[in-house]
Amino acid sequence: MTRSVHSYVYDFTTVVSGCPAGANAYAGRNTNRSRLVDNGITVLSYCYDMADREIAASGIVYDSHQNRRCTTVTLKPACSVGDLAS
């Protein structure tokens, strides 16, 4: 059996593309993480407003109370079909 090896790092410098209007393009310069990278591949991206509030993220599913339920990428816990539908 082979084990996959993951090496996760946060990126605080990269300008994230695809953020909604009003996003701070340089939020990483203010210690906000802009991406989660696994072995050189971006698995999550984060967008923040000018008050450093997270306003969008790729690869994450939220519930109706804005709690993170799961991710849609290789991190745990993985999403099930039911998670994505609710």
Foldseek 3Di string as FASTA:
>chain_A
DDDDDWDKDFALAQQDPPDDPQWDRNRSVVVDTAFIDIPRHTQKGFTAHPVRDTDDMAQFQADPVRDTDAGCDDDPPHDDPVSVVD
